[in-house]
Amino acid sequence: MSDESNDTTGTTPFTTPQMQALEAELAVTRAQLASTVDELVARLDPRAQAVRAVESGRRLVSDAVSGDAAPDARKKALAVLGGAVAGVAALVALVVAGRRKG
């Protein structure tokens, strides 16, 4: 004696248009989230960051020494490189001063 009303094999669950709309919206949101996570993983990859930094450095040096660069790009490149040189010089001076004291 089995109760046939409890048998759910082969039947579709009860759904409404609102439930279907919510499920579709949830699927879109999941896809967007997955895309965002993939993009963040790509941006935060250390190798990719190193490649971008090297490319940026090469572009700065190229802009600074090239006469073909736009005036604004050359000015920015010279400012950045000048700041980097000043920073290294300050660090070296601090290290030398620290060794003289100790």
Protein backbone atom coordinates (compact mmCIF):
# COMPACT_ATOMS: atom_id res chain seq x y z
CA MET A 1 0.00 0.00 0.00
CA SER A 2 1.80 3.04 -1.19
CA ASP A 3 0.54 6.55 -1.23
CA GLU A 4 0.76 7.80 -4.82
CA SER A 5 0.31 11.47 -3.83
CA ASN A 6 3.81 11.52 -2.24
CA ASP A 7 5.52 10.19 -5.36
CA THR A 8 7.31 13.10 -7.08
CA THR A 9 9.25 11.21 -9.72
CA GLY A 10 8.57 12.47 -13.20
CA THR A 11 6.71 15.58 -12.12
CA THR A 12 7.82 19.18 -12.43
CA PRO A 13 8.06 21.29 -9.29
CA PHE A 14 5.57 24.04 -8.75
CA THR A 15 6.81 27.31 -10.27
CA THR A 16 5.33 30.70 -10.86
CA PRO A 17 6.35 33.39 -13.34
CA GLN A 18 7.79 35.37 -10.42
CA MET A 19 9.93 32.40 -9.37
CA GLN A 20 11.15 31.93 -12.92
CA ALA A 21 12.02 35.63 -13.18
CA LEU A 22 13.94 35.47 -9.90
CA GLU A 23 15.82 32.36 -11.04
CA ALA A 24 16.74 34.08 -14.31
CA GLU A 25 17.90 37.18 -12.45
CA LEU A 26 19.94 34.99 -10.11
CA ALA A 27 21.58 33.26 -13.07
CA VAL A 28 22.54 36.63 -14.60
CA THR A 29 23.91 37.84 -11.26
CA ARG A 30 25.97 34.66 -10.87
CA ALA A 31 27.42 35.09 -14.36
CA GLN A 32 28.31 38.73 -13.62
CA LEU A 33 29.92 37.74 -10.33
CA ALA A 34 31.95 35.01 -12.00
CA SER A 35 33.11 37.48 -14.64
CA THR A 36 34.09 40.01 -11.97
CA VAL A 37 36.04 37.40 -10.00
CA ASP A 38 37.86 36.28 -13.15
CA GLU A 39 38.78 39.89 -13.94
CA LEU A 40 40.07 40.48 -10.40
CA VAL A 41 42.15 37.31 -10.54
CA ALA A 42 43.69 38.48 -13.82
CA ARG A 43 44.41 41.96 -12.44
CA LEU A 44 45.95 40.71 -9.21
CA ASP A 45 48.14 38.04 -10.80
CA PRO A 46 51.73 38.85 -9.71
CA ARG A 47 53.23 37.90 -13.06
CA ALA A 48 50.78 40.12 -14.93
CA GLN A 49 51.50 42.99 -12.54
CA ALA A 50 55.24 42.56 -13.07
CA VAL A 51 54.80 42.56 -16.85
CA ARG A 52 52.69 45.73 -16.68
CA ALA A 53 55.27 47.42 -14.41
CA VAL A 54 58.11 46.56 -16.78
CA GLU A 55 56.12 47.80 -19.78
CA SER A 56 55.28 51.01 -17.94
CA GLY A 57 58.93 51.55 -16.99
CA ARG A 58 60.07 50.97 -20.54
CA ARG A 59 57.46 53.41 -21.82
CA LEU A 60 58.59 56.04 -19.28
CA VAL A 61 62.23 55.71 -20.28
CA SER A 62 61.29 55.75 -23.94
CA ASP A 63 59.17 58.88 -23.49
CA ALA A 64 61.93 60.59 -21.51
CA VAL A 65 64.71 60.01 -24.04
CA SER A 66 62.71 60.05 -27.26
CA GLY A 67 62.14 63.23 -29.18
CA ASP A 68 59.06 61.65 -30.76
CA ALA A 69 57.06 61.58 -27.52
CA ALA A 70 54.31 64.11 -26.90
CA PRO A 71 55.45 67.05 -24.76
CA ASP A 72 53.06 66.14 -21.93
CA ALA A 73 54.19 62.50 -21.94
CA ARG A 74 57.84 63.53 -21.93
CA LYS A 75 57.30 66.00 -19.09
CA LYS A 76 55.50 63.34 -17.03
CA ALA A 77 58.20 60.74 -17.78
CA LEU A 78 60.99 63.09 -16.76
CA ALA A 79 59.15 64.00 -13.55
CA VAL A 80 58.58 60.36 -12.61
CA LEU A 81 62.14 59.33 -13.41
CA GLY A 82 63.52 62.37 -11.58
CA GLY A 83 61.45 61.48 -8.54
CA ALA A 84 62.69 57.90 -8.65
CA VAL A 85 66.31 59.04 -8.88
CA ALA A 86 65.79 61.46 -5.99
CA GLY A 87 64.21 58.69 -3.91
CA VAL A 88 67.12 56.33 -4.55
CA ALA A 89 69.60 59.08 -3.74
CA ALA A 90 67.81 59.83 -0.46
CA LEU A 91 67.80 56.14 0.45
CA VAL A 92 71.52 55.80 -0.28
CA ALA A 93 72.23 58.93 1.80
CA LEU A 94 70.25 57.48 4.73
CA VAL A 95 72.09 54.19 4.53
CA VAL A 96 75.49 55.92 4.41
CA ALA A 97 74.57 58.23 7.30
CA GLY A 98 73.34 55.26 9.33
CA ARG A 99 76.60 53.38 8.83
CA ARG A 100 78.68 56.39 9.89
CA LYS A 101 76.81 56.66 13.19
CA GLY A 102 77.03 52.98 13.99
